[in-house]
């Protein structure tokens, strides 16, 4: 397991940018259900660069690529380079190891650490929930042990837990079958640590900000297609692509908001029955 990354801050508030589920292809003309994912991701990156949010680092929460091609990871790293901030990442169900790790390790901006000591008050713990070859997720014994070890070592710090798969149901039968399978085990690990505050994830291509067993659960729109909640059958949502801004405060509270493109130039094929 990689060592911790100690992140000194100019301000006592930890400011984080989350991007998730870009589903890039090796080719720049690759499309997912009619959306050119390179173009939609670039539009999001352009909007982020024009925004005034002065974040400290970036969390990329999985499904960086769609076609399992190593070249797509190189595309991701080249596209995010202008953001000029450290990027920490977790695997999604569409990501493939070891080629993901091997490709990302070639770029200094892409940080391998899965534990971040952010300033004096917070820790960010990144977990791998992907299971090779299936869309659903679970946390292995080693991942749960890693989480417990970090919570035990730094009980005085507030904790943000980061993974790819969703905890809460979206009320969509087709999507909820691919949720985190052992969320109850995760809850048992977190239970003795009152300073564990929130769980952040991607995967469901939609915005969530709800409470689960006392923990704030946050999910963020994809930079490509969006899944409509409360639909048992596969249904795409016409809302624009987005990202999330997060502020981790001194008192353990979290200020966050989702931002979206101010245009709707990347509409998918709404006749699609799945992907």
C-alpha atoms as a PDB file:
ATOM      1  CA  UNK A   1       0.000   0.000   0.000  1.00  0.00           C
ATOM      2  CA  UNK A   2       1.293   3.456  -0.874  1.00  0.00           C
ATOM      3  CA  UNK A   3       2.366   5.782   1.917  1.00  0.00           C
ATOM      4  CA  UNK A   4       0.347   8.778   3.007  1.00  0.00           C
ATOM      5  CA  UNK A   5       0.540  12.058   1.122  1.00  0.00           C
ATOM      6  CA  UNK A   6       0.992  14.993   3.497  1.00  0.00           C
ATOM      7  CA  UNK A   7      -0.661  18.029   1.986  1.00  0.00           C
ATOM      8  CA  UNK A   8       0.246  21.378   3.616  1.00  0.00           C
ATOM      9  CA  UNK A   9      -2.329  24.046   2.996  1.00  0.00           C
ATOM     10  CA  UNK A  10      -2.230  27.817   2.638  1.00  0.00           C
ATOM     11  CA  UNK A  11      -5.635  27.953   4.335  1.00  0.00           C
ATOM     12  CA  UNK A  12      -7.074  25.805   7.158  1.00  0.00           C
ATOM     13  CA  UNK A  13      -9.985  24.962   4.831  1.00  0.00           C
ATOM     14  CA  UNK A  14      -9.358  22.032   2.481  1.00  0.00           C
ATOM     15  CA  UNK A  15     -10.674  22.774  -1.004  1.00  0.00           C
ATOM     16  CA  UNK A  16     -11.217  19.846  -3.357  1.00  0.00           C
ATOM     17  CA  UNK A  17     -12.419  19.486  -6.940  1.00  0.00           C
ATOM     18  CA  UNK A  18     -14.119  16.206  -7.888  1.00  0.00           C
ATOM     19  CA  UNK A  19     -14.381  14.988 -11.474  1.00  0.00           C
ATOM     20  CA  UNK A  20     -15.839  11.610 -12.250  1.00  0.00           C
ATOM     21  CA  UNK A  21     -16.781   9.099 -14.926  1.00  0.00           C
ATOM     22  CA  UNK A  22     -15.352  10.697 -18.075  1.00  0.00           C
ATOM     23  CA  UNK A  23     -15.383   7.323 -19.926  1.00  0.00           C
ATOM     24  CA  UNK A  24     -12.679   8.333 -22.382  1.00  0.00           C
ATOM     25  CA  UNK A  25     -11.612   6.323 -25.417  1.00  0.00           C
ATOM     26  CA  UNK A  26      -8.193   5.864 -26.979  1.00  0.00           C
ATOM     27  CA  UNK A  27      -9.496   7.678 -30.056  1.00  0.00           C
ATOM     28  CA  UNK A  28     -10.578  11.311 -29.861  1.00  0.00           C
ATOM     29  CA  UNK A  29     -13.747  10.492 -31.818  1.00  0.00           C
ATOM     30  CA  UNK A  30     -14.946   7.811 -29.359  1.00  0.00           C
ATOM     31  CA  UNK A  31     -18.613   8.137 -28.424  1.00  0.00           C
ATOM     32  CA  UNK A  32     -20.683   6.764 -25.558  1.00  0.00           C
ATOM     33  CA  UNK A  33     -24.361   6.615 -26.541  1.00  0.00           C
ATOM     34  CA  UNK A  34     -23.892   9.467 -28.970  1.00  0.00           C
ATOM     35  CA  UNK A  35     -21.751  11.692 -26.745  1.00  0.00           C
ATOM     36  CA  UNK A  36     -18.153  12.331 -27.743  1.00  0.00           C
ATOM     37  CA  UNK A  37     -16.618  11.841 -24.305  1.00  0.00           C
ATOM     38  CA  UNK A  38     -13.381  13.647 -25.123  1.00  0.00           C
ATOM     39  CA  UNK A  39     -15.295  16.737 -26.200  1.00  0.00           C
ATOM     40  CA  UNK A  40     -17.638  16.713 -23.197  1.00  0.00           C
ATOM     41  CA  UNK A  41     -14.725  16.213 -20.801  1.00  0.00           C
ATOM     42  CA  UNK A  42     -12.810  19.054 -22.447  1.00  0.00           C
ATOM     43  CA  UNK A  43     -15.848  21.315 -22.088  1.00  0.00           C
ATOM     44  CA  UNK A  44     -15.982  20.538 -18.359  1.00  0.00           C
ATOM     45  CA  UNK A  45     -12.246  21.180 -17.980  1.00  0.00           C
ATOM     46  CA  UNK A  46     -12.597  24.491 -19.808  1.00  0.00           C
ATOM     47  CA  UNK A  47     -15.429  25.512 -17.481  1.00  0.00           C
ATOM     48  CA  UNK A  48     -13.382  24.538 -14.417  1.00  0.00           C
ATOM     49  CA  UNK A  49     -10.452  26.656 -15.618  1.00  0.00           C
ATOM     50  CA  UNK A  50     -12.777  29.641 -16.006  1.00  0.00           C
ATOM     51  CA  UNK A  51     -14.277  29.171 -12.549  1.00  0.00           C
ATOM     52  CA  UNK A  52     -13.078  31.058  -9.458  1.00  0.00           C
ATOM     53  CA  UNK A  53     -12.901  28.063  -7.100  1.00  0.00           C
ATOM     54  CA  UNK A  54      -9.300  27.850  -5.869  1.00  0.00           C
ATOM     55  CA  UNK A  55      -9.013  24.128  -5.084  1.00  0.00           C
ATOM     56  CA  UNK A  56      -5.993  22.466  -3.509  1.00  0.00           C
ATOM     57  CA  UNK A  57      -6.205  19.101  -5.275  1.00  0.00           C
ATOM     58  CA  UNK A  58      -8.451  16.964  -7.464  1.00  0.00           C
ATOM     59  CA  UNK A  59     -10.229  13.678  -6.804  1.00  0.00           C
ATOM     60  CA  UNK A  60     -10.943  11.593  -9.920  1.00  0.00           C
ATOM     61  CA  UNK A  61     -13.443   8.983  -8.762  1.00  0.00           C
ATOM     62  CA  UNK A  62     -13.265   6.260 -11.371  1.00  0.00           C
ATOM     63  CA  UNK A  63     -14.319   5.159 -14.841  1.00  0.00           C
ATOM     64  CA  UNK A  64     -11.660   7.351 -16.358  1.00  0.00           C
ATOM     65  CA  UNK A  65     -11.875   5.261 -19.530  1.00  0.00           C
ATOM     66  CA  UNK A  66     -14.539   3.306 -21.372  1.00  0.00           C
ATOM     67  CA  UNK A  67     -12.671   1.033 -23.786  1.00  0.00           C
ATOM     68  CA  UNK A  68     -10.070  -0.528 -21.428  1.00  0.00           C
ATOM     69  CA  UNK A  69      -7.356   0.946 -23.631  1.00  0.00           C
ATOM     70  CA  UNK A  70      -4.103   2.139 -22.072  1.00  0.00           C
ATOM     71  CA  UNK A  71      -4.013   5.047 -24.522  1.00  0.00           C
ATOM     72  CA  UNK A  72      -7.233   6.401 -23.021  1.00  0.00           C
ATOM     73  CA  UNK A  73      -5.438   6.868 -19.692  1.00  0.00           C
ATOM     74  CA  UNK A  74      -2.733   8.842 -21.485  1.00  0.00           C
ATOM     75  CA  UNK A  75      -5.516  10.948 -23.013  1.00  0.00           C
ATOM     76  CA  UNK A  76      -6.932  11.637 -19.544  1.00  0.00           C
ATOM     77  CA  UNK A  77      -3.602  12.748 -18.109  1.00  0.00           C
ATOM     78  CA  UNK A  78      -2.810  15.010 -21.044  1.00  0.00           C
ATOM     79  CA  UNK A  79      -6.237  16.634 -20.863  1.00  0.00           C
ATOM     80  CA  UNK A  80      -6.059  17.403 -17.122  1.00  0.00           C
ATOM     81  CA  UNK A  81      -2.480  18.706 -17.188  1.00  0.00           C
ATOM     82  CA  UNK A  82      -3.544  22.392 -17.579  1.00  0.00           C
ATOM     83  CA  UNK A  83      -5.380  22.199 -14.243  1.00  0.00           C
ATOM     84  CA  UNK A  84      -1.885  22.070 -12.692  1.00  0.00           C
ATOM     85  CA  UNK A  85      -2.971  20.552  -9.376  1.00  0.00           C
ATOM     86  CA  UNK A  86      -2.259  17.106  -7.871  1.00  0.00           C
ATOM     87  CA  UNK A  87      -4.781  14.454  -8.880  1.00  0.00           C
ATOM     88  CA  UNK A  88      -5.650  11.483  -6.669  1.00  0.00           C
ATOM     89  CA  UNK A  89      -7.715   8.680  -8.176  1.00  0.00           C
ATOM     90  CA  UNK A  90      -9.699   5.519  -7.518  1.00  0.00           C
ATOM     91  CA  UNK A  91     -10.665   2.669  -9.836  1.00  0.00           C
ATOM     92  CA  UNK A  92     -14.119   2.388 -11.373  1.00  0.00           C
ATOM     93  CA  UNK A  93     -15.790  -0.694 -12.804  1.00  0.00           C
ATOM     94  CA  UNK A  94     -14.728   0.312 -16.339  1.00  0.00           C
ATOM     95  CA  UNK A  95     -11.094   0.765 -15.321  1.00  0.00           C
ATOM     96  CA  UNK A  96      -8.622  -2.059 -15.772  1.00  0.00           C
ATOM     97  CA  UNK A  97      -5.557  -2.886 -13.708  1.00  0.00           C
ATOM     98  CA  UNK A  98      -2.614  -2.971 -13.917  1.00  0.00           C
ATOM     99  CA  UNK A  99      -2.679  -0.873 -17.077  1.00  0.00           C
ATOM    100  CA  UNK A 100      -4.464   1.980 -15.290  1.00  0.00           C
ATOM    101  CA  UNK A 101      -1.856   2.196 -12.555  1.00  0.00           C
ATOM    102  CA  UNK A 102       1.027   1.684 -14.976  1.00  0.00           C
ATOM    103  CA  UNK A 103      -0.139   4.422 -17.342  1.00  0.00           C
ATOM    104  CA  UNK A 104      -1.001   6.984 -14.670  1.00  0.00           C
ATOM    105  CA  UNK A 105       2.305   6.408 -12.866  1.00  0.00           C
ATOM    106  CA  UNK A 106       4.163   7.951 -15.803  1.00  0.00           C
ATOM    107  CA  UNK A 107       2.803  11.409 -14.945  1.00  0.00           C
ATOM    108  CA  UNK A 108       3.954  13.427 -11.924  1.00  0.00           C
ATOM    109  CA  UNK A 109       0.567  15.109 -11.574  1.00  0.00           C
ATOM    110  CA  UNK A 110      -1.141  11.755 -10.968  1.00  0.00           C
ATOM    111  CA  UNK A 111      -0.586  10.815  -7.336  1.00  0.00           C
ATOM    112  CA  UNK A 112      -0.509   7.118  -6.357  1.00  0.00           C
ATOM    113  CA  UNK A 113      -1.219   7.641  -2.647  1.00  0.00           C
ATOM    114  CA  UNK A 114      -4.567   6.492  -1.251  1.00  0.00           C
ATOM    115  CA  UNK A 115      -4.324   8.394   2.008  1.00  0.00           C
ATOM    116  CA  UNK A 116      -4.100  12.172   2.196  1.00  0.00           C
ATOM    117  CA  UNK A 117      -3.295  14.127   5.347  1.00  0.00           C
ATOM    118  CA  UNK A 118      -4.877  17.402   4.295  1.00  0.00           C
ATOM    119  CA  UNK A 119      -3.762  20.231   6.517  1.00  0.00           C
ATOM    120  CA  UNK A 120      -4.082  19.811  10.297  1.00  0.00           C
ATOM    121  CA  UNK A 121      -7.678  18.639  10.642  1.00  0.00           C
ATOM    122  CA  UNK A 122      -8.705  16.273   7.828  1.00  0.00           C
ATOM    123  CA  UNK A 123      -7.719  12.998   6.214  1.00  0.00           C
ATOM    124  CA  UNK A 124      -8.999  11.704   2.884  1.00  0.00           C
ATOM    125  CA  UNK A 125      -9.048   7.921   2.474  1.00  0.00           C
ATOM    126  CA  UNK A 126      -9.364   6.493  -1.052  1.00  0.00           C
ATOM    127  CA  UNK A 127     -10.728   2.964  -1.460  1.00  0.00           C
ATOM    128  CA  UNK A 128     -10.815   0.579  -4.401  1.00  0.00           C
ATOM    129  CA  UNK A 129     -14.361  -0.792  -4.770  1.00  0.00           C
ATOM    130  CA  UNK A 130     -14.089  -2.239  -8.275  1.00  0.00           C
ATOM    131  CA  UNK A 131     -14.364  -5.953  -9.004  1.00  0.00           C
ATOM    132  CA  UNK A 132     -12.694  -6.946 -12.226  1.00  0.00           C
ATOM    133  CA  UNK A 133     -15.135  -7.895 -14.958  1.00  0.00           C
ATOM    134  CA  UNK A 134     -18.413  -6.881 -13.273  1.00  0.00           C
ATOM    135  CA  UNK A 135     -20.245  -3.544 -12.933  1.00  0.00           C
ATOM    136  CA  UNK A 136     -21.046  -3.881  -9.236  1.00  0.00           C
ATOM    137  CA  UNK A 137     -18.609  -3.144  -6.462  1.00  0.00           C
ATOM    138  CA  UNK A 138     -17.403  -4.325  -3.072  1.00  0.00           C
ATOM    139  CA  UNK A 139     -14.657  -3.485  -0.626  1.00  0.00           C
ATOM    140  CA  UNK A 140     -12.212  -6.341  -0.134  1.00  0.00           C
ATOM    141  CA  UNK A 141     -10.915  -7.360   3.279  1.00  0.00           C
ATOM    142  CA  UNK A 142      -7.638  -5.600   2.540  1.00  0.00           C
ATOM    143  CA  UNK A 143      -9.451  -2.384   1.661  1.00  0.00           C
ATOM    144  CA  UNK A 144     -11.565  -2.519   4.827  1.00  0.00           C
ATOM    145  CA  UNK A 145      -8.413  -3.208   6.863  1.00  0.00           C
ATOM    146  CA  UNK A 146      -6.693  -0.239   5.227  1.00  0.00           C
ATOM    147  CA  UNK A 147      -9.631   2.007   6.106  1.00  0.00           C
ATOM    148  CA  UNK A 148      -9.699   0.784   9.706  1.00  0.00           C
ATOM    149  CA  UNK A 149      -5.949   1.258  10.094  1.00  0.00           C
ATOM    150  CA  UNK A 150      -6.093   4.877   8.952  1.00  0.00           C
ATOM    151  CA  UNK A 151      -9.080   5.659  11.172  1.00  0.00           C
ATOM    152  CA  UNK A 152      -7.286   4.095  14.150  1.00  0.00           C
ATOM    153  CA  UNK A 153      -4.032   5.925  13.444  1.00  0.00           C
ATOM    154  CA  UNK A 154      -5.618   9.370  13.033  1.00  0.00           C
ATOM    155  CA  UNK A 155      -8.754   9.391  15.237  1.00  0.00           C
ATOM    156  CA  UNK A 156      -8.328  13.110  15.915  1.00  0.00           C
ATOM    157  CA  UNK A 157      -8.818  13.962  12.237  1.00  0.00           C
ATOM    158  CA  UNK A 158     -12.108  14.335  10.415  1.00  0.00           C
ATOM    159  CA  UNK A 159     -12.374  11.818   7.594  1.00  0.00           C
ATOM    160  CA  UNK A 160     -13.673  11.914   4.038  1.00  0.00           C
ATOM    161  CA  UNK A 161     -14.016   8.452   2.474  1.00  0.00           C
ATOM    162  CA  UNK A 162     -13.710   8.224  -1.315  1.00  0.00           C
ATOM    163  CA  UNK A 163     -14.670   5.318  -3.595  1.00  0.00           C
ATOM    164  CA  UNK A 164     -16.355   4.699  -6.938  1.00  0.00           C
ATOM    165  CA  UNK A 165     -19.534   2.744  -6.179  1.00  0.00           C
ATOM    166  CA  UNK A 166     -22.695   4.129  -4.624  1.00  0.00           C
ATOM    167  CA  UNK A 167     -23.925   3.452  -1.117  1.00  0.00           C
ATOM    168  CA  UNK A 168     -27.507   4.658  -1.358  1.00  0.00           C
ATOM    169  CA  UNK A 169     -30.105   3.393  -3.848  1.00  0.00           C
ATOM    170  CA  UNK A 170     -31.011   5.585  -6.797  1.00  0.00           C
ATOM    171  CA  UNK A 171     -34.476   3.986  -6.962  1.00  0.00           C
ATOM    172  CA  UNK A 172     -33.516   2.632 -10.389  1.00  0.00           C
ATOM    173  CA  UNK A 173     -33.551  -1.164 -10.496  1.00  0.00           C
ATOM    174  CA  UNK A 174     -31.149  -1.442 -13.445  1.00  0.00           C
ATOM    175  CA  UNK A 175     -28.524   0.715 -11.694  1.00  0.00           C
ATOM    176  CA  UNK A 176     -28.993  -0.256  -8.059  1.00  0.00           C
ATOM    177  CA  UNK A 177     -28.044  -3.872  -8.760  1.00  0.00           C
ATOM    178  CA  UNK A 178     -24.522  -2.498  -9.367  1.00  0.00           C
ATOM    179  CA  UNK A 179     -24.164  -0.683  -6.025  1.00  0.00           C
ATOM    180  CA  UNK A 180     -21.580  -1.392  -3.314  1.00  0.00           C
ATOM    181  CA  UNK A 181     -22.411  -4.913  -2.156  1.00  0.00           C
ATOM    182  CA  UNK A 182     -21.009  -4.709   1.371  1.00  0.00           C
ATOM    183  CA  UNK A 183     -22.035  -1.245   2.521  1.00  0.00           C
ATOM    184  CA  UNK A 184     -22.984  -2.668   5.935  1.00  0.00           C
ATOM    185  CA  UNK A 185     -19.380  -3.798   6.486  1.00  0.00           C
ATOM    186  CA  UNK A 186     -18.233  -0.301   5.611  1.00  0.00           C
ATOM    187  CA  UNK A 187     -20.661   1.115   8.188  1.00  0.00           C
ATOM    188  CA  UNK A 188     -19.332  -1.233  10.884  1.00  0.00           C
ATOM    189  CA  UNK A 189     -15.768  -0.044  10.256  1.00  0.00           C
ATOM    190  CA  UNK A 190     -16.831   3.611  10.450  1.00  0.00           C
ATOM    191  CA  UNK A 191     -19.093   3.263  13.494  1.00  0.00           C
ATOM    192  CA  UNK A 192     -16.461   3.669  16.262  1.00  0.00           C
ATOM    193  CA  UNK A 193     -15.051   6.826  14.667  1.00  0.00           C
ATOM    194  CA  UNK A 194     -17.333   9.835  15.148  1.00  0.00           C
ATOM    195  CA  UNK A 195     -15.038  12.073  13.120  1.00  0.00           C
ATOM    196  CA  UNK A 196     -15.744  10.092   9.945  1.00  0.00           C
ATOM    197  CA  UNK A 197     -17.971  12.639   8.270  1.00  0.00           C
ATOM    198  CA  UNK A 198     -18.735  11.847   4.643  1.00  0.00           C
ATOM    199  CA  UNK A 199     -18.509   9.431   1.726  1.00  0.00           C
ATOM    200  CA  UNK A 200     -17.843  10.698  -1.800  1.00  0.00           C
ATOM    201  CA  UNK A 201     -18.362   8.618  -4.950  1.00  0.00           C
ATOM    202  CA  UNK A 202     -19.141   8.558  -8.661  1.00  0.00           C
ATOM    203  CA  UNK A 203     -20.590   5.653 -10.702  1.00  0.00           C
ATOM    204  CA  UNK A 204     -24.251   6.688 -10.849  1.00  0.00           C
ATOM    205  CA  UNK A 205     -23.824   9.713 -13.168  1.00  0.00           C
ATOM    206  CA  UNK A 206     -26.120  11.897 -11.072  1.00  0.00           C
ATOM    207  CA  UNK A 207     -26.078  14.275  -8.121  1.00  0.00           C
ATOM    208  CA  UNK A 208     -26.710  13.016  -4.570  1.00  0.00           C
ATOM    209  CA  UNK A 209     -26.395  14.785  -1.222  1.00  0.00           C
ATOM    210  CA  UNK A 210     -28.088  12.704   1.482  1.00  0.00           C
ATOM    211  CA  UNK A 211     -27.506  11.174   4.906  1.00  0.00           C
ATOM    212  CA  UNK A 212     -26.797   7.471   5.433  1.00  0.00           C
ATOM    213  CA  UNK A 213     -26.399   6.174   9.000  1.00  0.00           C
ATOM    214  CA  UNK A 214     -25.321   9.664  10.043  1.00  0.00           C
ATOM    215  CA  UNK A 215     -22.746  10.074   7.240  1.00  0.00           C
ATOM    216  CA  UNK A 216     -23.159  12.561   4.461  1.00  0.00           C
ATOM    217  CA  UNK A 217     -23.132  10.776   1.098  1.00  0.00           C
ATOM    218  CA  UNK A 218     -22.189  12.786  -1.978  1.00  0.00           C
ATOM    219  CA  UNK A 219     -22.325  11.725  -5.618  1.00  0.00           C
ATOM    220  CA  UNK A 220     -21.491  13.834  -8.626  1.00  0.00           C
ATOM    221  CA  UNK A 221     -22.597  14.090 -12.259  1.00  0.00           C
ATOM    222  CA  UNK A 222     -20.467  12.505 -14.945  1.00  0.00           C
ATOM    223  CA  UNK A 223     -18.538  14.554 -17.462  1.00  0.00           C
ATOM    224  CA  UNK A 224     -20.313  12.572 -20.229  1.00  0.00           C
ATOM    225  CA  UNK A 225     -23.786  10.936 -20.091  1.00  0.00           C
ATOM    226  CA  UNK A 226     -26.196  11.333 -17.147  1.00  0.00           C
ATOM    227  CA  UNK A 227     -28.444   8.618 -15.664  1.00  0.00           C
ATOM    228  CA  UNK A 228     -31.920   9.682 -14.632  1.00  0.00           C
ATOM    229  CA  UNK A 229     -32.835   8.661 -11.073  1.00  0.00           C
ATOM    230  CA  UNK A 230     -36.108   6.952 -10.090  1.00  0.00           C
ATOM    231  CA  UNK A 231     -36.339   4.942 -13.322  1.00  0.00           C
ATOM    232  CA  UNK A 232     -36.408   1.142 -13.102  1.00  0.00           C
ATOM    233  CA  UNK A 233     -35.410   0.790 -16.750  1.00  0.00           C
ATOM    234  CA  UNK A 234     -32.288   2.318 -18.277  1.00  0.00           C
ATOM    235  CA  UNK A 235     -33.037   6.027 -18.764  1.00  0.00           C
ATOM    236  CA  UNK A 236     -30.747   8.898 -19.706  1.00  0.00           C
ATOM    237  CA  UNK A 237     -31.145  12.388 -18.275  1.00  0.00           C
ATOM    238  CA  UNK A 238     -30.915  15.523 -20.468  1.00  0.00           C
ATOM    239  CA  UNK A 239     -29.241  17.622 -17.743  1.00  0.00           C
ATOM    240  CA  UNK A 240     -25.754  18.929 -18.611  1.00  0.00           C
ATOM    241  CA  UNK A 241     -22.423  17.467 -17.545  1.00  0.00           C
ATOM    242  CA  UNK A 242     -20.914  18.574 -14.224  1.00  0.00           C
ATOM    243  CA  UNK A 243     -18.354  18.435 -11.427  1.00  0.00           C
ATOM    244  CA  UNK A 244     -18.275  19.079  -7.672  1.00  0.00           C
ATOM    245  CA  UNK A 245     -16.541  21.640  -5.464  1.00  0.00           C
ATOM    246  CA  UNK A 246     -15.910  20.722  -1.820  1.00  0.00           C
ATOM    247  CA  UNK A 247     -14.721  22.692   1.207  1.00  0.00           C
ATOM    248  CA  UNK A 248     -13.728  20.713   4.308  1.00  0.00           C
ATOM    249  CA  UNK A 249     -13.999  23.093   7.243  1.00  0.00           C
ATOM    250  CA  UNK A 250     -12.180  23.345  10.572  1.00  0.00           C
ATOM    251  CA  UNK A 251     -15.195  22.192  12.577  1.00  0.00           C
ATOM    252  CA  UNK A 252     -15.794  19.040  10.512  1.00  0.00           C
ATOM    253  CA  UNK A 253     -18.591  20.537   8.444  1.00  0.00           C
ATOM    254  CA  UNK A 254     -18.577  20.348   4.658  1.00  0.00           C
ATOM    255  CA  UNK A 255     -19.656  22.995   2.163  1.00  0.00           C
ATOM    256  CA  UNK A 256     -20.167  21.647  -1.319  1.00  0.00           C
ATOM    257  CA  UNK A 257     -21.967  22.324  -4.544  1.00  0.00           C
ATOM    258  CA  UNK A 258     -22.323  20.739  -7.944  1.00  0.00           C
ATOM    259  CA  UNK A 259     -21.688  22.868 -10.997  1.00  0.00           C
ATOM    260  CA  UNK A 260     -22.733  22.036 -14.529  1.00  0.00           C
ATOM    261  CA  UNK A 261     -22.006  23.268 -18.011  1.00  0.00           C
ATOM    262  CA  UNK A 262     -24.128  26.274 -18.884  1.00  0.00           C
ATOM    263  CA  UNK A 263     -24.941  24.733 -22.253  1.00  0.00           C
ATOM    264  CA  UNK A 264     -26.479  21.454 -23.384  1.00  0.00           C
ATOM    265  CA  UNK A 265     -24.253  20.681 -26.350  1.00  0.00           C
ATOM    266  CA  UNK A 266     -23.671  17.020 -25.443  1.00  0.00           C
ATOM    267  CA  UNK A 267     -27.025  15.275 -25.524  1.00  0.00           C
ATOM    268  CA  UNK A 268     -27.000  11.473 -25.747  1.00  0.00           C
ATOM    269  CA  UNK A 269     -29.100   9.080 -27.785  1.00  0.00           C
ATOM    270  CA  UNK A 270     -32.221   8.877 -25.656  1.00  0.00           C
ATOM    271  CA  UNK A 271     -33.384   5.742 -27.480  1.00  0.00           C
ATOM    272  CA  UNK A 272     -30.519   3.735 -26.005  1.00  0.00           C
ATOM    273  CA  UNK A 273     -31.554   0.751 -23.908  1.00  0.00           C
ATOM    274  CA  UNK A 274     -28.231   0.369 -22.088  1.00  0.00           C
ATOM    275  CA  UNK A 275     -24.488   0.573 -22.528  1.00  0.00           C
END
